[in-house]
């Protein structure tokens, strides 16, 4: 790959890493809140023992699990982008590395 193309690809990957890390930080805050909500819903269900309380608890836990999966996906994307970026950096001539 030509040096200019390598440099462009490295910049693109670095931008994806930065954006994904920012998204992950926001998502982790949301997960904390969703975990609190899920625990509160679970306690309400245990106390109330009603079908509605059970559904609310189930829904809260489902939302929490979806958020956790999204965070895992972001972590995987970050790891892959960092790996690709590092590989491209090693392909650059030593004189072009900044």
C-alpha atoms as a PDB file:
ATOM      1  CA  UNK A   1       0.000   0.000   0.000  1.00  0.00           C
ATOM      2  CA  UNK A   2       1.318   3.462  -0.839  1.00  0.00           C
ATOM      3  CA  UNK A   3       2.472   5.688   2.006  1.00  0.00           C
ATOM      4  CA  UNK A   4      -0.287   8.266   1.461  1.00  0.00           C
ATOM      5  CA  UNK A   5      -2.934   5.549   1.519  1.00  0.00           C
ATOM      6  CA  UNK A   6      -1.437   4.063   4.680  1.00  0.00           C
ATOM      7  CA  UNK A   7      -1.421   7.435   6.399  1.00  0.00           C
ATOM      8  CA  UNK A   8      -5.032   8.101   5.385  1.00  0.00           C
ATOM      9  CA  UNK A   9      -6.126   4.673   6.635  1.00  0.00           C
ATOM     10  CA  UNK A  10      -4.304   5.209   9.944  1.00  0.00           C
ATOM     11  CA  UNK A  11      -6.085   8.558  10.445  1.00  0.00           C
ATOM     12  CA  UNK A  12      -9.460   6.940   9.635  1.00  0.00           C
ATOM     13  CA  UNK A  13      -8.842   4.136  12.109  1.00  0.00           C
ATOM     14  CA  UNK A  14      -7.723   6.557  14.804  1.00  0.00           C
ATOM     15  CA  UNK A  15     -10.914   8.575  14.326  1.00  0.00           C
ATOM     16  CA  UNK A  16     -13.002   5.383  14.600  1.00  0.00           C
ATOM     17  CA  UNK A  17     -11.161   4.439  17.798  1.00  0.00           C
ATOM     18  CA  UNK A  18     -11.727   7.868  19.325  1.00  0.00           C
ATOM     19  CA  UNK A  19     -15.421   7.894  18.397  1.00  0.00           C
ATOM     20  CA  UNK A  20     -15.991   4.335  19.615  1.00  0.00           C
ATOM     21  CA  UNK A  21     -14.263   5.101  22.931  1.00  0.00           C
ATOM     22  CA  UNK A  22     -16.470   8.156  23.426  1.00  0.00           C
ATOM     23  CA  UNK A  23     -19.564   6.091  22.598  1.00  0.00           C
ATOM     24  CA  UNK A  24     -18.421   3.366  24.981  1.00  0.00           C
ATOM     25  CA  UNK A  25     -17.942   5.847  27.831  1.00  0.00           C
ATOM     26  CA  UNK A  26     -21.498   7.112  27.348  1.00  0.00           C
ATOM     27  CA  UNK A  27     -22.857   3.585  27.088  1.00  0.00           C
ATOM     28  CA  UNK A  28     -21.090   2.524  30.291  1.00  0.00           C
ATOM     29  CA  UNK A  29     -22.782   5.379  32.143  1.00  0.00           C
ATOM     30  CA  UNK A  30     -26.111   4.250  30.725  1.00  0.00           C
ATOM     31  CA  UNK A  31     -25.393   0.676  31.795  1.00  0.00           C
ATOM     32  CA  UNK A  32     -24.862   1.845  35.374  1.00  0.00           C
ATOM     33  CA  UNK A  33     -28.244   3.554  35.308  1.00  0.00           C
ATOM     34  CA  UNK A  34     -29.945   0.594  33.627  1.00  0.00           C
ATOM     35  CA  UNK A  35     -28.450  -1.767  36.228  1.00  0.00           C
ATOM     36  CA  UNK A  36     -29.917   0.352  39.027  1.00  0.00           C
ATOM     37  CA  UNK A  37     -33.287   0.413  37.271  1.00  0.00           C
ATOM     38  CA  UNK A  38     -33.210  -3.351  36.730  1.00  0.00           C
ATOM     39  CA  UNK A  39     -32.399  -4.002  40.380  1.00  0.00           C
ATOM     40  CA  UNK A  40     -35.193  -1.694  41.548  1.00  0.00           C
ATOM     41  CA  UNK A  41     -37.638  -3.422  39.196  1.00  0.00           C
ATOM     42  CA  UNK A  42     -36.530  -6.833  40.484  1.00  0.00           C
ATOM     43  CA  UNK A  43     -37.137  -5.768  44.082  1.00  0.00           C
ATOM     44  CA  UNK A  44     -40.565  -4.345  43.181  1.00  0.00           C
ATOM     45  CA  UNK A  45     -41.440  -7.639  41.512  1.00  0.00           C
ATOM     46  CA  UNK A  46     -40.307  -9.639  44.541  1.00  0.00           C
ATOM     47  CA  UNK A  47     -42.430  -7.469  46.842  1.00  0.00           C
ATOM     48  CA  UNK A  48     -45.488  -7.102  44.606  1.00  0.00           C
ATOM     49  CA  UNK A  49     -45.498 -10.540  42.964  1.00  0.00           C
ATOM     50  CA  UNK A  50     -47.771  -9.284  40.182  1.00  0.00           C
ATOM     51  CA  UNK A  51     -47.588 -10.063  36.452  1.00  0.00           C
ATOM     52  CA  UNK A  52     -47.057  -6.371  35.686  1.00  0.00           C
ATOM     53  CA  UNK A  53     -44.141  -6.103  38.104  1.00  0.00           C
ATOM     54  CA  UNK A  54     -42.659  -9.271  36.638  1.00  0.00           C
ATOM     55  CA  UNK A  55     -42.916  -7.855  33.096  1.00  0.00           C
ATOM     56  CA  UNK A  56     -41.325  -4.572  34.162  1.00  0.00           C
ATOM     57  CA  UNK A  57     -38.468  -6.459  35.800  1.00  0.00           C
ATOM     58  CA  UNK A  58     -38.011  -8.640  32.739  1.00  0.00           C
ATOM     59  CA  UNK A  59     -38.036  -5.616  30.422  1.00  0.00           C
ATOM     60  CA  UNK A  60     -35.508  -3.764  32.575  1.00  0.00           C
ATOM     61  CA  UNK A  61     -33.152  -6.742  32.585  1.00  0.00           C
ATOM     62  CA  UNK A  62     -33.541  -7.197  28.824  1.00  0.00           C
ATOM     63  CA  UNK A  63     -32.593  -3.540  28.225  1.00  0.00           C
ATOM     64  CA  UNK A  64     -29.587  -3.948  30.498  1.00  0.00           C
ATOM     65  CA  UNK A  65     -28.441  -7.054  28.620  1.00  0.00           C
ATOM     66  CA  UNK A  66     -28.816  -5.321  25.254  1.00  0.00           C
ATOM     67  CA  UNK A  67     -26.716  -2.399  26.477  1.00  0.00           C
ATOM     68  CA  UNK A  68     -24.049  -4.798  27.756  1.00  0.00           C
ATOM     69  CA  UNK A  69     -23.939  -6.542  24.365  1.00  0.00           C
ATOM     70  CA  UNK A  70     -23.595  -3.181  22.625  1.00  0.00           C
ATOM     71  CA  UNK A  71     -20.686  -2.317  24.934  1.00  0.00           C
ATOM     72  CA  UNK A  72     -19.042  -5.642  24.125  1.00  0.00           C
ATOM     73  CA  UNK A  73     -19.453  -4.955  20.410  1.00  0.00           C
ATOM     74  CA  UNK A  74     -17.837  -1.529  20.828  1.00  0.00           C
ATOM     75  CA  UNK A  75     -14.923  -3.021  22.753  1.00  0.00           C
ATOM     76  CA  UNK A  76     -14.398  -5.551  19.964  1.00  0.00           C
ATOM     77  CA  UNK A  77     -14.500  -2.785  17.347  1.00  0.00           C
ATOM     78  CA  UNK A  78     -11.980  -0.722  19.303  1.00  0.00           C
ATOM     79  CA  UNK A  79      -9.625  -3.682  19.671  1.00  0.00           C
ATOM     80  CA  UNK A  80      -9.847  -4.477  15.956  1.00  0.00           C
ATOM     81  CA  UNK A  81      -9.249  -0.871  14.914  1.00  0.00           C
ATOM     82  CA  UNK A  82      -6.240  -0.574  17.231  1.00  0.00           C
ATOM     83  CA  UNK A  83      -4.806  -3.821  15.866  1.00  0.00           C
ATOM     84  CA  UNK A  84      -5.298  -2.679  12.268  1.00  0.00           C
ATOM     85  CA  UNK A  85      -3.896   0.772  13.015  1.00  0.00           C
ATOM     86  CA  UNK A  86      -0.792  -0.697  14.631  1.00  0.00           C
ATOM     87  CA  UNK A  87      -0.282  -3.059  11.698  1.00  0.00           C
ATOM     88  CA  UNK A  88      -0.466  -0.141   9.255  1.00  0.00           C
ATOM     89  CA  UNK A  89       1.902   1.903  11.410  1.00  0.00           C
ATOM     90  CA  UNK A  90       4.476  -0.875  11.185  1.00  0.00           C
ATOM     91  CA  UNK A  91       4.115  -0.859   7.398  1.00  0.00           C
ATOM     92  CA  UNK A  92       5.050   2.823   7.193  1.00  0.00           C
ATOM     93  CA  UNK A  93       8.655   3.614   6.437  1.00  0.00           C
ATOM     94  CA  UNK A  94      10.522   4.641   9.594  1.00  0.00           C
ATOM     95  CA  UNK A  95      11.097   8.135   8.181  1.00  0.00           C
ATOM     96  CA  UNK A  96       7.318   8.667   7.786  1.00  0.00           C
ATOM     97  CA  UNK A  97       6.350   7.711  11.364  1.00  0.00           C
ATOM     98  CA  UNK A  98       5.344  10.619  13.551  1.00  0.00           C
END
